[in-house]
Amino acid sequence: SLCKSFDAYRAWVTVEAGHYDAIQLPDGTLRKHPRSIAFSSMDEVEFQQLYKSALDVLWRWILSRTFRTQREAENAAAQLMSFAG
């Protein structure tokens, strides 16, 4: 479902941004579990670090994609820049 896809994507970005806890499973493997991204769960400095790291993750993802047209690439970049403030 779309909601599950969004949650999975948000979790991926959060982990790639380094905002996770490593959890050891019973078989000895480690799993990266995303931390909460709620503003109330962190201080201002941690929130700003997460925000910057998440934007960096998204920029790398955008730059690694192949777009059909230059306009499509510029549109994707413009949408991301609107969040960068």
C-alpha atoms as a PDB file:
ATOM      1  CA  SER A   1       0.000   0.000   0.000  1.00  0.00           C
ATOM      2  CA  LEU A   2       1.033   3.620  -0.459  1.00  0.00           C
ATOM      3  CA  CYS A   3       1.234   4.240   3.292  1.00  0.00           C
ATOM      4  CA  LYS A   4       3.562   1.285   3.810  1.00  0.00           C
ATOM      5  CA  SER A   5       5.677   2.406   0.854  1.00  0.00           C
ATOM      6  CA  PHE A   6       5.996   5.908   2.331  1.00  0.00           C
ATOM      7  CA  ASP A   7       6.886   4.495   5.746  1.00  0.00           C
ATOM      8  CA  ALA A   8       9.512   2.221   4.188  1.00  0.00           C
ATOM      9  CA  TYR A   9      10.966   5.128   2.193  1.00  0.00           C
ATOM     10  CA  ARG A  10      11.032   7.376   5.283  1.00  0.00           C
ATOM     11  CA  ALA A  11      12.752   4.607   7.267  1.00  0.00           C
ATOM     12  CA  TRP A  12      15.325   4.153   4.478  1.00  0.00           C
ATOM     13  CA  VAL A  13      16.128   7.890   4.390  1.00  0.00           C
ATOM     14  CA  THR A  14      16.353   8.031   8.189  1.00  0.00           C
ATOM     15  CA  VAL A  15      18.761   5.076   8.354  1.00  0.00           C
ATOM     16  CA  GLU A  16      20.850   6.347   5.425  1.00  0.00           C
ATOM     17  CA  ALA A  17      21.081   9.694   7.242  1.00  0.00           C
ATOM     18  CA  GLY A  18      22.639   7.864  10.207  1.00  0.00           C
ATOM     19  CA  HIS A  19      19.690   8.370  12.545  1.00  0.00           C
ATOM     20  CA  TYR A  20      19.235   4.790  13.728  1.00  0.00           C
ATOM     21  CA  ASP A  21      19.910   2.326  16.523  1.00  0.00           C
ATOM     22  CA  ALA A  22      21.790  -0.888  15.738  1.00  0.00           C
ATOM     23  CA  ILE A  23      19.909  -3.832  17.204  1.00  0.00           C
ATOM     24  CA  GLN A  24      21.487  -7.263  17.538  1.00  0.00           C
ATOM     25  CA  LEU A  25      19.084 -10.035  16.564  1.00  0.00           C
ATOM     26  CA  PRO A  26      19.064 -13.499  18.181  1.00  0.00           C
ATOM     27  CA  ASP A  27      21.053 -14.934  15.247  1.00  0.00           C
ATOM     28  CA  GLY A  28      23.834 -12.394  15.870  1.00  0.00           C
ATOM     29  CA  THR A  29      23.138 -10.177  12.879  1.00  0.00           C
ATOM     30  CA  LEU A  30      22.679  -6.450  13.295  1.00  0.00           C
ATOM     31  CA  ARG A  31      19.656  -4.559  12.055  1.00  0.00           C
ATOM     32  CA  LYS A  32      19.514  -0.795  11.692  1.00  0.00           C
ATOM     33  CA  HIS A  33      16.290   0.454  13.249  1.00  0.00           C
ATOM     34  CA  PRO A  34      15.358   4.073  12.429  1.00  0.00           C
ATOM     35  CA  ARG A  35      14.965   6.393  15.399  1.00  0.00           C
ATOM     36  CA  SER A  36      11.918   8.598  15.764  1.00  0.00           C
ATOM     37  CA  ILE A  37      11.988  11.705  13.589  1.00  0.00           C
ATOM     38  CA  ALA A  38       9.475  13.550  15.765  1.00  0.00           C
ATOM     39  CA  PHE A  39      10.811  16.988  16.672  1.00  0.00           C
ATOM     40  CA  SER A  40       9.711  16.400  20.272  1.00  0.00           C
ATOM     41  CA  SER A  41      12.010  13.360  20.531  1.00  0.00           C
ATOM     42  CA  MET A  42      15.242  15.339  19.958  1.00  0.00           C
ATOM     43  CA  ASP A  43      16.856  18.662  20.691  1.00  0.00           C
ATOM     44  CA  GLU A  44      17.304  21.435  18.106  1.00  0.00           C
ATOM     45  CA  VAL A  45      20.917  20.492  17.265  1.00  0.00           C
ATOM     46  CA  GLU A  46      20.043  16.831  16.653  1.00  0.00           C
ATOM     47  CA  PHE A  47      17.028  17.841  14.569  1.00  0.00           C
ATOM     48  CA  GLN A  48      19.139  20.168  12.394  1.00  0.00           C
ATOM     49  CA  GLN A  49      21.768  17.433  11.903  1.00  0.00           C
ATOM     50  CA  LEU A  50      19.087  14.933  10.888  1.00  0.00           C
ATOM     51  CA  TYR A  51      17.467  17.454   8.534  1.00  0.00           C
ATOM     52  CA  LYS A  52      20.784  18.222   6.797  1.00  0.00           C
ATOM     53  CA  SER A  53      21.772  14.547   6.584  1.00  0.00           C
ATOM     54  CA  ALA A  54      18.370  13.565   5.168  1.00  0.00           C
ATOM     55  CA  LEU A  55      18.652  16.270   2.486  1.00  0.00           C
ATOM     56  CA  ASP A  56      22.139  14.978   1.632  1.00  0.00           C
ATOM     57  CA  VAL A  57      20.749  11.442   1.264  1.00  0.00           C
ATOM     58  CA  LEU A  58      17.982  12.692  -1.024  1.00  0.00           C
ATOM     59  CA  TRP A  59      20.417  14.777  -3.124  1.00  0.00           C
ATOM     60  CA  ARG A  60      22.657  11.726  -3.642  1.00  0.00           C
ATOM     61  CA  TRP A  61      19.598   9.677  -4.626  1.00  0.00           C
ATOM     62  CA  ILE A  62      18.429  12.321  -7.110  1.00  0.00           C
ATOM     63  CA  LEU A  63      21.901  12.731  -8.630  1.00  0.00           C
ATOM     64  CA  SER A  64      22.271   8.957  -9.096  1.00  0.00           C
ATOM     65  CA  ARG A  65      19.041   8.690 -11.125  1.00  0.00           C
ATOM     66  CA  THR A  66      18.641   8.925 -14.859  1.00  0.00           C
ATOM     67  CA  PHE A  67      15.952  11.358 -15.925  1.00  0.00           C
ATOM     68  CA  ARG A  68      14.164  11.255 -19.273  1.00  0.00           C
ATOM     69  CA  THR A  69      14.547  14.981 -19.810  1.00  0.00           C
ATOM     70  CA  GLN A  70      16.482  17.898 -18.400  1.00  0.00           C
ATOM     71  CA  ARG A  71      13.185  19.448 -17.343  1.00  0.00           C
ATOM     72  CA  GLU A  72      12.323  16.350 -15.290  1.00  0.00           C
ATOM     73  CA  ALA A  73      15.703  16.553 -13.508  1.00  0.00           C
ATOM     74  CA  GLU A  74      15.314  20.274 -12.846  1.00  0.00           C
ATOM     75  CA  ASN A  75      11.808  19.710 -11.478  1.00  0.00           C
ATOM     76  CA  ALA A  76      13.053  17.041  -9.054  1.00  0.00           C
ATOM     77  CA  ALA A  77      15.856  19.338  -7.882  1.00  0.00           C
ATOM     78  CA  ALA A  78      13.473  22.286  -7.481  1.00  0.00           C
ATOM     79  CA  GLN A  79      11.085  20.222  -5.379  1.00  0.00           C
ATOM     80  CA  LEU A  80      13.902  19.163  -3.067  1.00  0.00           C
ATOM     81  CA  MET A  81      15.260  22.713  -2.848  1.00  0.00           C
ATOM     82  CA  SER A  82      11.841  23.915  -1.709  1.00  0.00           C
ATOM     83  CA  PHE A  83      12.370  21.837   1.450  1.00  0.00           C
ATOM     84  CA  ALA A  84      15.943  23.041   2.006  1.00  0.00           C
ATOM     85  CA  GLY A  85      14.783  26.553   2.862  1.00  0.00           C
END
